[in-house]
Amino acid sequence: MASLKLFIVLVIVAITFPSILATDHIVGDETGWTINFDYKAWAQGKVFRVGDRLIFNYEQGAHNVIRADGASFQQCAKPNGVEALTTGSDVITLATPGRKWYFCGVGKHCEVGNQKLAITVLAAEGESPASAPSPSANTPPSAATARTASVFYGMMAVVLAFAAVVMV
């Protein structure tokens, strides 16, 4: 019986742990997703990892978010078969490591307004593939991250799961 309880706690911890480490990056911080903003400068110094989320906040109807490949990004051209995200609060979970490209497909927002974002996503913490570049040791903290909230809610889930198993 005790080993079953321990197994249940370990399963819950294993399921919850990755979300504890994930970071929410609000693209553009307080400015959000808009034209005439330097997203290259915004992304510089930030560490993006698998499991993190990009949150694009903008006035619905004024902008959108298009996921692109490198060539489409350079040309500000929507790739075939890609649907624009249009909710005004679009959330993209970074699922794989590597280069990722996003831009606004409304009017000339990408070409003229520089509304485009290119990032490099690293492997999740604890995983260290040889091909992934290492993050800067002196990465500044960002108001755009919600790691503290993630840790809090993740730890609360673990504590509640443990309490539930102990009470059973």
C-alpha atoms as a PDB file:
ATOM      1  CA  MET A   1       0.000   0.000   0.000  1.00  0.00           C
ATOM      2  CA  ALA A   2       2.797   2.424   0.868  1.00  0.00           C
ATOM      3  CA  SER A   3       4.571   1.700  -2.414  1.00  0.00           C
ATOM      4  CA  LEU A   4       1.349   2.435  -4.338  1.00  0.00           C
ATOM      5  CA  LYS A   5       1.068   5.811  -2.609  1.00  0.00           C
ATOM      6  CA  LEU A   6       4.710   6.579  -3.406  1.00  0.00           C
ATOM      7  CA  PHE A   7       4.167   5.564  -7.020  1.00  0.00           C
ATOM      8  CA  ILE A   8       1.147   7.887  -7.311  1.00  0.00           C
ATOM      9  CA  VAL A   9       3.097  10.815  -5.851  1.00  0.00           C
ATOM     10  CA  LEU A  10       6.012  10.178  -8.216  1.00  0.00           C
ATOM     11  CA  VAL A  11       3.692  10.043 -11.236  1.00  0.00           C
ATOM     12  CA  ILE A  12       2.041  13.317 -10.254  1.00  0.00           C
ATOM     13  CA  VAL A  13       5.429  14.973  -9.708  1.00  0.00           C
ATOM     14  CA  ALA A  14       6.691  13.686 -13.074  1.00  0.00           C
ATOM     15  CA  ILE A  15       3.633  15.068 -14.855  1.00  0.00           C
ATOM     16  CA  THR A  16       3.711  18.413 -13.046  1.00  0.00           C
ATOM     17  CA  PHE A  17       7.471  19.065 -12.990  1.00  0.00           C
ATOM     18  CA  PRO A  18       7.909  20.248 -16.621  1.00  0.00           C
ATOM     19  CA  SER A  19       5.256  22.947 -16.170  1.00  0.00           C
ATOM     20  CA  ILE A  20       7.072  24.188 -13.079  1.00  0.00           C
ATOM     21  CA  LEU A  21      10.134  24.958 -15.185  1.00  0.00           C
ATOM     22  CA  ALA A  22       8.278  26.550 -18.119  1.00  0.00           C
ATOM     23  CA  THR A  23       8.355  30.317 -18.644  1.00  0.00           C
ATOM     24  CA  ASP A  24       5.695  32.534 -20.172  1.00  0.00           C
ATOM     25  CA  HIS A  25       7.247  35.203 -22.411  1.00  0.00           C
ATOM     26  CA  ILE A  26       4.885  38.088 -23.140  1.00  0.00           C
ATOM     27  CA  VAL A  27       6.130  39.207 -26.541  1.00  0.00           C
ATOM     28  CA  GLY A  28       7.006  42.908 -26.385  1.00  0.00           C
ATOM     29  CA  ASP A  29       6.392  43.034 -22.630  1.00  0.00           C
ATOM     30  CA  GLU A  30       3.924  45.865 -21.837  1.00  0.00           C
ATOM     31  CA  THR A  31       3.987  47.121 -25.445  1.00  0.00           C
ATOM     32  CA  GLY A  32       2.685  43.810 -26.759  1.00  0.00           C
ATOM     33  CA  TRP A  33       2.608  42.732 -30.420  1.00  0.00           C
ATOM     34  CA  THR A  34       2.563  45.895 -32.512  1.00  0.00           C
ATOM     35  CA  ILE A  35       4.323  47.781 -35.288  1.00  0.00           C
ATOM     36  CA  ASN A  36       7.490  49.865 -34.900  1.00  0.00           C
ATOM     37  CA  PHE A  37       8.885  47.854 -31.996  1.00  0.00           C
ATOM     38  CA  ASP A  38      12.345  46.250 -31.940  1.00  0.00           C
ATOM     39  CA  TYR A  39      11.545  42.580 -31.293  1.00  0.00           C
ATOM     40  CA  LYS A  40      15.131  41.617 -32.027  1.00  0.00           C
ATOM     41  CA  ALA A  41      16.273  43.766 -29.097  1.00  0.00           C
ATOM     42  CA  TRP A  42      13.395  42.432 -26.969  1.00  0.00           C
ATOM     43  CA  ALA A  43      14.475  38.816 -27.560  1.00  0.00           C
ATOM     44  CA  GLN A  44      18.174  39.491 -27.039  1.00  0.00           C
ATOM     45  CA  GLY A  45      19.362  38.101 -23.727  1.00  0.00           C
ATOM     46  CA  LYS A  46      16.219  36.045 -23.151  1.00  0.00           C
ATOM     47  CA  VAL A  47      16.437  32.272 -22.946  1.00  0.00           C
ATOM     48  CA  PHE A  48      13.676  30.367 -24.734  1.00  0.00           C
ATOM     49  CA  ARG A  49      13.353  26.676 -23.894  1.00  0.00           C
ATOM     50  CA  VAL A  50      11.157  23.806 -24.996  1.00  0.00           C
ATOM     51  CA  GLY A  51       7.984  23.993 -22.898  1.00  0.00           C
ATOM     52  CA  ASP A  52       8.059  27.791 -22.602  1.00  0.00           C
ATOM     53  CA  ARG A  53       5.173  29.786 -24.054  1.00  0.00           C
ATOM     54  CA  LEU A  54       5.126  32.890 -26.229  1.00  0.00           C
ATOM     55  CA  ILE A  55       2.120  35.116 -25.545  1.00  0.00           C
ATOM     56  CA  PHE A  56       1.238  37.606 -28.280  1.00  0.00           C
ATOM     57  CA  ASN A  57      -1.064  40.346 -26.929  1.00  0.00           C
ATOM     58  CA  TYR A  58      -2.632  42.799 -29.389  1.00  0.00           C
ATOM     59  CA  GLU A  59      -5.942  44.387 -30.330  1.00  0.00           C
ATOM     60  CA  GLN A  60      -7.976  41.715 -32.116  1.00  0.00           C
ATOM     61  CA  GLY A  61      -8.393  42.622 -35.778  1.00  0.00           C
ATOM     62  CA  ALA A  62      -5.459  45.040 -35.779  1.00  0.00           C
ATOM     63  CA  HIS A  63      -2.747  42.361 -36.035  1.00  0.00           C
ATOM     64  CA  ASN A  64      -2.225  38.615 -36.286  1.00  0.00           C
ATOM     65  CA  VAL A  65       0.564  36.096 -35.773  1.00  0.00           C
ATOM     66  CA  ILE A  66       1.933  33.893 -38.523  1.00  0.00           C
ATOM     67  CA  ARG A  67       4.336  31.037 -37.853  1.00  0.00           C
ATOM     68  CA  ALA A  68       6.905  30.962 -40.637  1.00  0.00           C
ATOM     69  CA  ASP A  69      10.058  29.282 -41.837  1.00  0.00           C
ATOM     70  CA  GLY A  70      13.254  31.258 -42.374  1.00  0.00           C
ATOM     71  CA  ALA A  71      12.634  32.046 -46.062  1.00  0.00           C
ATOM     72  CA  SER A  72       8.999  33.126 -45.516  1.00  0.00           C
ATOM     73  CA  PHE A  73      10.092  35.231 -42.552  1.00  0.00           C
ATOM     74  CA  GLN A  74      12.702  37.090 -44.634  1.00  0.00           C
ATOM     75  CA  GLN A  75      10.097  37.804 -47.334  1.00  0.00           C
ATOM     76  CA  CYS A  76       7.232  38.489 -44.905  1.00  0.00           C
ATOM     77  CA  ALA A  77       5.225  35.945 -46.913  1.00  0.00           C
ATOM     78  CA  LYS A  78       2.728  33.577 -45.286  1.00  0.00           C
ATOM     79  CA  PRO A  79       3.750  29.964 -45.971  1.00  0.00           C
ATOM     80  CA  ASN A  80       1.212  27.745 -47.761  1.00  0.00           C
ATOM     81  CA  GLY A  81      -1.101  25.904 -45.404  1.00  0.00           C
ATOM     82  CA  VAL A  82      -0.350  28.124 -42.395  1.00  0.00           C
ATOM     83  CA  GLU A  83      -3.311  29.787 -40.707  1.00  0.00           C
ATOM     84  CA  ALA A  84      -2.858  33.127 -38.986  1.00  0.00           C
ATOM     85  CA  LEU A  85      -3.529  33.297 -35.243  1.00  0.00           C
ATOM     86  CA  THR A  86      -6.058  36.065 -34.644  1.00  0.00           C
ATOM     87  CA  THR A  87      -7.411  35.981 -31.071  1.00  0.00           C
ATOM     88  CA  GLY A  88      -5.524  39.018 -29.782  1.00  0.00           C
ATOM     89  CA  SER A  89      -4.064  36.856 -27.028  1.00  0.00           C
ATOM     90  CA  ASP A  90      -2.354  34.075 -28.945  1.00  0.00           C
ATOM     91  CA  VAL A  91      -0.322  31.517 -27.002  1.00  0.00           C
ATOM     92  CA  ILE A  92       2.312  29.372 -28.686  1.00  0.00           C
ATOM     93  CA  THR A  93       3.983  26.590 -26.721  1.00  0.00           C
ATOM     94  CA  LEU A  94       7.551  26.047 -27.852  1.00  0.00           C
ATOM     95  CA  ALA A  95       7.558  22.307 -28.493  1.00  0.00           C
ATOM     96  CA  THR A  96      10.888  21.695 -30.242  1.00  0.00           C
ATOM     97  CA  PRO A  97      14.375  23.214 -30.106  1.00  0.00           C
ATOM     98  CA  GLY A  98      15.728  25.278 -32.990  1.00  0.00           C
ATOM     99  CA  ARG A  99      15.036  28.537 -34.813  1.00  0.00           C
ATOM    100  CA  LYS A 100      11.444  29.846 -34.782  1.00  0.00           C
ATOM    101  CA  TRP A 101      10.024  32.743 -36.802  1.00  0.00           C
ATOM    102  CA  TYR A 102       6.826  34.769 -36.368  1.00  0.00           C
ATOM    103  CA  PHE A 103       5.456  37.870 -38.068  1.00  0.00           C
ATOM    104  CA  CYS A 104       2.289  39.922 -38.509  1.00  0.00           C
ATOM    105  CA  GLY A 105       0.547  39.306 -41.827  1.00  0.00           C
ATOM    106  CA  VAL A 106      -1.727  42.353 -41.700  1.00  0.00           C
ATOM    107  CA  GLY A 107      -0.994  44.945 -44.398  1.00  0.00           C
ATOM    108  CA  LYS A 108       2.683  45.862 -44.497  1.00  0.00           C
ATOM    109  CA  HIS A 109       3.186  45.446 -40.730  1.00  0.00           C
ATOM    110  CA  CYS A 110       6.035  42.993 -41.275  1.00  0.00           C
ATOM    111  CA  GLU A 111       7.800  44.747 -44.171  1.00  0.00           C
ATOM    112  CA  VAL A 112       7.413  48.368 -43.082  1.00  0.00           C
ATOM    113  CA  GLY A 113       6.504  48.143 -39.395  1.00  0.00           C
ATOM    114  CA  ASN A 114       9.158  45.521 -38.514  1.00  0.00           C
ATOM    115  CA  GLN A 115       6.537  43.419 -36.712  1.00  0.00           C
ATOM    116  CA  LYS A 116       8.515  40.187 -36.747  1.00  0.00           C
ATOM    117  CA  LEU A 117      10.214  37.980 -34.203  1.00  0.00           C
ATOM    118  CA  ALA A 118      12.958  35.375 -34.648  1.00  0.00           C
ATOM    119  CA  ILE A 119      14.150  33.300 -31.679  1.00  0.00           C
ATOM    120  CA  THR A 120      16.254  30.251 -30.922  1.00  0.00           C
ATOM    121  CA  VAL A 121      14.613  27.650 -28.685  1.00  0.00           C
ATOM    122  CA  LEU A 122      16.915  25.553 -26.508  1.00  0.00           C
ATOM    123  CA  ALA A 123      16.221  22.085 -25.146  1.00  0.00           C
ATOM    124  CA  ALA A 124      14.270  21.911 -21.894  1.00  0.00           C
ATOM    125  CA  GLU A 125      16.253  22.421 -18.700  1.00  0.00           C
ATOM    126  CA  GLY A 126      18.069  19.259 -17.770  1.00  0.00           C
ATOM    127  CA  GLU A 127      18.448  18.256 -21.412  1.00  0.00           C
ATOM    128  CA  SER A 128      21.616  19.440 -23.088  1.00  0.00           C
ATOM    129  CA  PRO A 129      22.052  18.484 -26.724  1.00  0.00           C
ATOM    130  CA  ALA A 130      25.465  19.342 -28.169  1.00  0.00           C
ATOM    131  CA  SER A 131      23.915  21.371 -30.988  1.00  0.00           C
ATOM    132  CA  ALA A 132      22.016  23.807 -28.760  1.00  0.00           C
ATOM    133  CA  PRO A 133      23.775  27.105 -28.020  1.00  0.00           C
ATOM    134  CA  SER A 134      24.315  27.814 -24.353  1.00  0.00           C
ATOM    135  CA  PRO A 135      22.436  30.729 -22.808  1.00  0.00           C
ATOM    136  CA  SER A 136      24.276  33.796 -21.593  1.00  0.00           C
ATOM    137  CA  ALA A 137      25.446  33.551 -17.993  1.00  0.00           C
ATOM    138  CA  ASN A 138      24.330  37.109 -17.266  1.00  0.00           C
ATOM    139  CA  THR A 139      20.828  37.003 -18.716  1.00  0.00           C
ATOM    140  CA  PRO A 140      18.835  39.903 -17.249  1.00  0.00           C
ATOM    141  CA  PRO A 141      15.534  39.180 -15.515  1.00  0.00           C
ATOM    142  CA  SER A 142      12.455  40.056 -17.538  1.00  0.00           C
ATOM    143  CA  ALA A 143       9.048  41.338 -16.549  1.00  0.00           C
ATOM    144  CA  ALA A 144       7.773  39.153 -19.371  1.00  0.00           C
ATOM    145  CA  THR A 145       8.354  35.887 -17.549  1.00  0.00           C
ATOM    146  CA  ALA A 146       5.984  34.100 -15.272  1.00  0.00           C
ATOM    147  CA  ARG A 147       8.334  31.433 -13.937  1.00  0.00           C
ATOM    148  CA  THR A 148       7.507  32.354 -10.332  1.00  0.00           C
ATOM    149  CA  ALA A 149       3.788  31.765 -10.872  1.00  0.00           C
ATOM    150  CA  SER A 150       4.522  28.521 -12.708  1.00  0.00           C
ATOM    151  CA  VAL A 151       6.680  27.291  -9.834  1.00  0.00           C
ATOM    152  CA  PHE A 152       4.046  28.286  -7.290  1.00  0.00           C
ATOM    153  CA  TYR A 153       1.177  26.491  -9.048  1.00  0.00           C
ATOM    154  CA  GLY A 154       3.315  23.475  -9.836  1.00  0.00           C
ATOM    155  CA  MET A 155       4.430  23.138  -6.232  1.00  0.00           C
ATOM    156  CA  MET A 156       0.858  23.579  -5.036  1.00  0.00           C
ATOM    157  CA  ALA A 157      -0.196  20.685  -7.289  1.00  0.00           C
ATOM    158  CA  VAL A 158       2.559  18.500  -5.860  1.00  0.00           C
ATOM    159  CA  VAL A 159       1.646  19.398  -2.265  1.00  0.00           C
ATOM    160  CA  LEU A 160      -2.058  18.741  -2.880  1.00  0.00           C
ATOM    161  CA  ALA A 161      -1.307  15.428  -4.564  1.00  0.00           C
ATOM    162  CA  PHE A 162       0.899  14.385  -1.684  1.00  0.00           C
ATOM    163  CA  ALA A 163      -1.755  15.402   0.850  1.00  0.00           C
ATOM    164  CA  ALA A 164      -4.423  13.478  -1.055  1.00  0.00           C
ATOM    165  CA  VAL A 165      -2.301  10.319  -1.120  1.00  0.00           C
ATOM    166  CA  VAL A 166      -1.472  10.581   2.575  1.00  0.00           C
ATOM    167  CA  MET A 167      -5.157  10.989   3.461  1.00  0.00           C
ATOM    168  CA  VAL A 168      -6.198   7.908   1.453  1.00  0.00           C
END
